[in-house]
Structures are given as structure tokens and as C-alpha cells.
């Protein structure tokens, strides 16, 4: 997601829908390589409580370990 710097409400809705579908399959959604602008937006709308947000490879590797 490193190229995404803005997301409309439609995009946020799609992320939430993807999370709901994943939860139905007992899976989680991890957002990888999130740009700082998008990270700020996700935190502002409290989606950092819903998604694991990884801004670099080290965080992503840690999030993917079981």
C-alpha cells in the first residue's frame, strides 16, 4: 500500500468489508507498507484498532509470524 496516500470513504468501506470476509474465514487482514499519509488517516478514523498496520518490512514480518 506504499503508493496509497489518500483513501475515500468507499475505499475505507472496501477495507472494512475485506476484514469482515476474512474474519468469517478466521483470517486477519494485515495492511503492509502503509504510507505515512494513509497511516494518519487510518488512525484518525480508528481503523488502527481494526487492522494491523505495518509501515515497514520488519513490522510485516513480525505481524505474519504466528
N, C-alpha and C. Protein backbone atom coordinates (compact mmCIF):
# COMPACT_ATOMS: atom_id res chain seq x y z
N UNK A 1 0.81 -1.19 0.00
CA UNK A 1 0.00 0.00 0.00
C UNK A 1 0.86 1.26 0.00
N UNK A 2 2.13 1.13 -0.31
CA UNK A 2 3.02 2.28 -0.18
C UNK A 2 2.70 3.43 -1.14
N UNK A 3 2.00 3.15 -2.22
CA UNK A 3 1.65 4.20 -3.17
C UNK A 3 0.35 4.91 -2.81
N UNK A 4 -0.40 4.38 -1.84
CA UNK A 4 -1.70 4.96 -1.47
C UNK A 4 -1.48 6.06 -0.44
N UNK A 5 -1.84 7.28 -0.80
CA UNK A 5 -1.69 8.41 0.12
C UNK A 5 -3.04 8.98 0.53
N UNK A 6 -4.09 8.61 -0.17
CA UNK A 6 -5.45 9.08 0.14
C UNK A 6 -6.42 7.94 -0.08
N UNK A 7 -7.46 7.89 0.74
CA UNK A 7 -8.48 6.87 0.55
C UNK A 7 -9.83 7.51 0.85
N UNK A 8 -10.76 7.34 -0.08
CA UNK A 8 -12.11 7.86 0.12
C UNK A 8 -12.89 6.96 1.06
N UNK A 9 -14.09 7.39 1.41
CA UNK A 9 -14.93 6.57 2.28
C UNK A 9 -15.27 5.25 1.60
N UNK A 10 -15.33 5.24 0.28
CA UNK A 10 -15.60 4.00 -0.45
C UNK A 10 -14.43 3.01 -0.26
N UNK A 11 -13.22 3.51 -0.33
CA UNK A 11 -12.04 2.66 -0.11
C UNK A 11 -11.99 2.12 1.31
N UNK A 12 -12.32 2.98 2.27
CA UNK A 12 -12.35 2.54 3.67
C UNK A 12 -13.41 1.46 3.84
N UNK A 13 -14.56 1.66 3.20
CA UNK A 13 -15.62 0.65 3.26
C UNK A 13 -15.18 -0.67 2.69
N UNK A 14 -14.41 -0.62 1.61
CA UNK A 14 -13.91 -1.86 0.99
C UNK A 14 -12.95 -2.58 1.93
N UNK A 15 -12.11 -1.82 2.64
CA UNK A 15 -11.20 -2.43 3.61
C UNK A 15 -11.98 -3.11 4.73
N UNK A 16 -12.99 -2.42 5.24
CA UNK A 16 -13.80 -3.00 6.31
C UNK A 16 -14.53 -4.25 5.82
N UNK A 17 -15.02 -4.22 4.59
CA UNK A 17 -15.68 -5.39 4.02
C UNK A 17 -14.70 -6.56 3.89
N UNK A 18 -13.48 -6.26 3.44
CA UNK A 18 -12.46 -7.31 3.32
C UNK A 18 -12.16 -7.92 4.68
N UNK A 19 -12.12 -7.07 5.71
CA UNK A 19 -11.87 -7.57 7.06
C UNK A 19 -13.01 -8.47 7.52
N UNK A 20 -14.24 -8.07 7.23
CA UNK A 20 -15.40 -8.89 7.62
C UNK A 20 -15.38 -10.25 6.93
N UNK A 21 -15.06 -10.24 5.65
CA UNK A 21 -14.97 -11.51 4.91
C UNK A 21 -13.86 -12.40 5.45
N UNK A 22 -12.72 -11.78 5.76
CA UNK A 22 -11.60 -12.55 6.31
C UNK A 22 -11.95 -13.12 7.67
N UNK A 23 -12.62 -12.32 8.50
CA UNK A 23 -13.00 -12.79 9.84
C UNK A 23 -13.95 -13.98 9.73
N UNK A 24 -14.80 -13.98 8.72
CA UNK A 24 -15.70 -15.10 8.51
C UNK A 24 -14.97 -16.39 8.20
N UNK A 25 -13.75 -16.24 7.73
CA UNK A 25 -12.91 -17.41 7.41
C UNK A 25 -11.81 -17.61 8.46
N UNK A 26 -11.97 -16.91 9.59
CA UNK A 26 -10.99 -16.96 10.69
C UNK A 26 -9.60 -16.52 10.23
N UNK A 27 -9.58 -15.47 9.41
CA UNK A 27 -8.34 -14.88 8.91
C UNK A 27 -8.28 -13.43 9.35
N UNK A 28 -7.10 -12.84 9.26
CA UNK A 28 -6.93 -11.42 9.57
C UNK A 28 -6.35 -10.71 8.36
N UNK A 29 -6.60 -9.42 8.28
CA UNK A 29 -6.06 -8.59 7.20
C UNK A 29 -4.93 -7.76 7.79
N UNK A 30 -3.78 -7.81 7.14
CA UNK A 30 -2.63 -7.00 7.53
C UNK A 30 -2.39 -6.02 6.40
N UNK A 31 -2.30 -4.73 6.73
CA UNK A 31 -2.02 -3.70 5.73
C UNK A 31 -0.51 -3.46 5.73
N UNK A 32 0.12 -3.74 4.60
CA UNK A 32 1.58 -3.69 4.52
C UNK A 32 2.09 -2.47 3.77
N UNK A 33 3.26 -1.99 4.18
CA UNK A 33 3.93 -0.86 3.54
C UNK A 33 3.02 0.35 3.43
N UNK A 34 2.32 0.66 4.50
CA UNK A 34 1.38 1.77 4.52
C UNK A 34 2.13 3.09 4.56
N UNK A 35 1.80 3.98 3.62
CA UNK A 35 2.41 5.31 3.56
C UNK A 35 1.96 6.12 4.77
N UNK A 36 2.80 7.07 5.19
CA UNK A 36 2.50 7.83 6.41
C UNK A 36 1.19 8.60 6.30
N UNK A 37 0.87 9.13 5.12
CA UNK A 37 -0.38 9.87 4.95
C UNK A 37 -1.59 8.97 5.20
N UNK A 38 -1.53 7.76 4.66
CA UNK A 38 -2.63 6.81 4.84
C UNK A 38 -2.68 6.33 6.29
N UNK A 39 -1.54 6.10 6.88
CA UNK A 39 -1.50 5.68 8.28
C UNK A 39 -2.17 6.72 9.17
N UNK A 40 -1.91 7.99 8.93
CA UNK A 40 -2.55 9.05 9.70
C UNK A 40 -4.07 9.01 9.54
N UNK A 41 -4.54 8.82 8.31
CA UNK A 41 -5.97 8.73 8.05
C UNK A 41 -6.59 7.54 8.78
N UNK A 42 -5.96 6.39 8.68
CA UNK A 42 -6.48 5.18 9.33
C UNK A 42 -6.53 5.34 10.85
N UNK A 43 -5.53 6.01 11.41
CA UNK A 43 -5.54 6.26 12.85
C UNK A 43 -6.63 7.26 13.22
N UNK A 44 -6.84 8.27 12.40
CA UNK A 44 -7.84 9.28 12.67
C UNK A 44 -9.25 8.67 12.73
N UNK A 45 -9.52 7.70 11.87
CA UNK A 45 -10.84 7.06 11.87
C UNK A 45 -10.85 5.77 12.69
N UNK A 46 -9.80 5.59 13.51
CA UNK A 46 -9.69 4.49 14.47
C UNK A 46 -9.60 3.10 13.84
N UNK A 47 -9.20 3.03 12.58
CA UNK A 47 -9.06 1.72 11.95
C UNK A 47 -7.75 1.03 12.34
N UNK A 48 -6.88 1.73 13.04
CA UNK A 48 -5.68 1.07 13.57
C UNK A 48 -6.06 0.09 14.67
N UNK A 49 -7.29 0.22 15.19
CA UNK A 49 -7.79 -0.72 16.19
C UNK A 49 -8.35 -1.98 15.53
N UNK A 50 -8.64 -1.88 14.24
CA UNK A 50 -9.27 -2.98 13.49
C UNK A 50 -8.25 -3.75 12.66
N UNK A 51 -7.29 -3.04 12.09
CA UNK A 51 -6.28 -3.64 11.21
C UNK A 51 -4.90 -3.57 11.85
N UNK A 52 -4.08 -4.55 11.54
CA UNK A 52 -2.66 -4.46 11.87
C UNK A 52 -2.03 -3.65 10.75
N UNK A 53 -1.44 -2.51 11.09
CA UNK A 53 -0.84 -1.62 10.10
C UNK A 53 0.67 -1.74 10.20
N UNK A 54 1.29 -2.10 9.08
CA UNK A 54 2.75 -2.26 9.02
C UNK A 54 3.31 -1.23 8.06
N UNK A 55 4.25 -0.44 8.53
CA UNK A 55 4.84 0.59 7.68
C UNK A 55 6.19 0.17 7.11
N UNK A 56 6.70 -0.97 7.55
CA UNK A 56 7.99 -1.44 7.01
C UNK A 56 8.04 -2.97 7.03
N UNK A 57 9.08 -3.52 6.43
CA UNK A 57 9.23 -4.98 6.31
C UNK A 57 9.37 -5.66 7.67
N UNK A 58 10.07 -5.03 8.59
CA UNK A 58 10.27 -5.63 9.91
C UNK A 58 8.93 -5.82 10.62
N UNK A 59 8.09 -4.80 10.58
CA UNK A 59 6.75 -4.91 11.19
C UNK A 59 5.92 -5.97 10.49
N UNK A 60 6.02 -6.02 9.18
CA UNK A 60 5.24 -7.00 8.41
C UNK A 60 5.68 -8.41 8.77
N UNK A 61 6.97 -8.66 8.81
CA UNK A 61 7.46 -9.99 9.16
C UNK A 61 6.99 -10.42 10.55
N UNK A 62 7.00 -9.48 11.49
CA UNK A 62 6.53 -9.77 12.84
C UNK A 62 5.04 -10.07 12.83
N UNK A 63 4.26 -9.31 12.08
CA UNK A 63 2.81 -9.50 12.03
C UNK A 63 2.43 -10.84 11.39
N UNK A 64 3.23 -11.31 10.47
CA UNK A 64 2.91 -12.55 9.76
C UNK A 64 3.36 -13.80 10.52
N UNK A 65 4.19 -13.63 11.54
CA UNK A 65 4.59 -14.79 12.34
C UNK A 65 3.44 -15.19 13.22
N UNK A 66 3.29 -16.48 13.44
CA UNK A 66 2.16 -16.98 14.24
C UNK A 66 2.57 -17.19 15.63
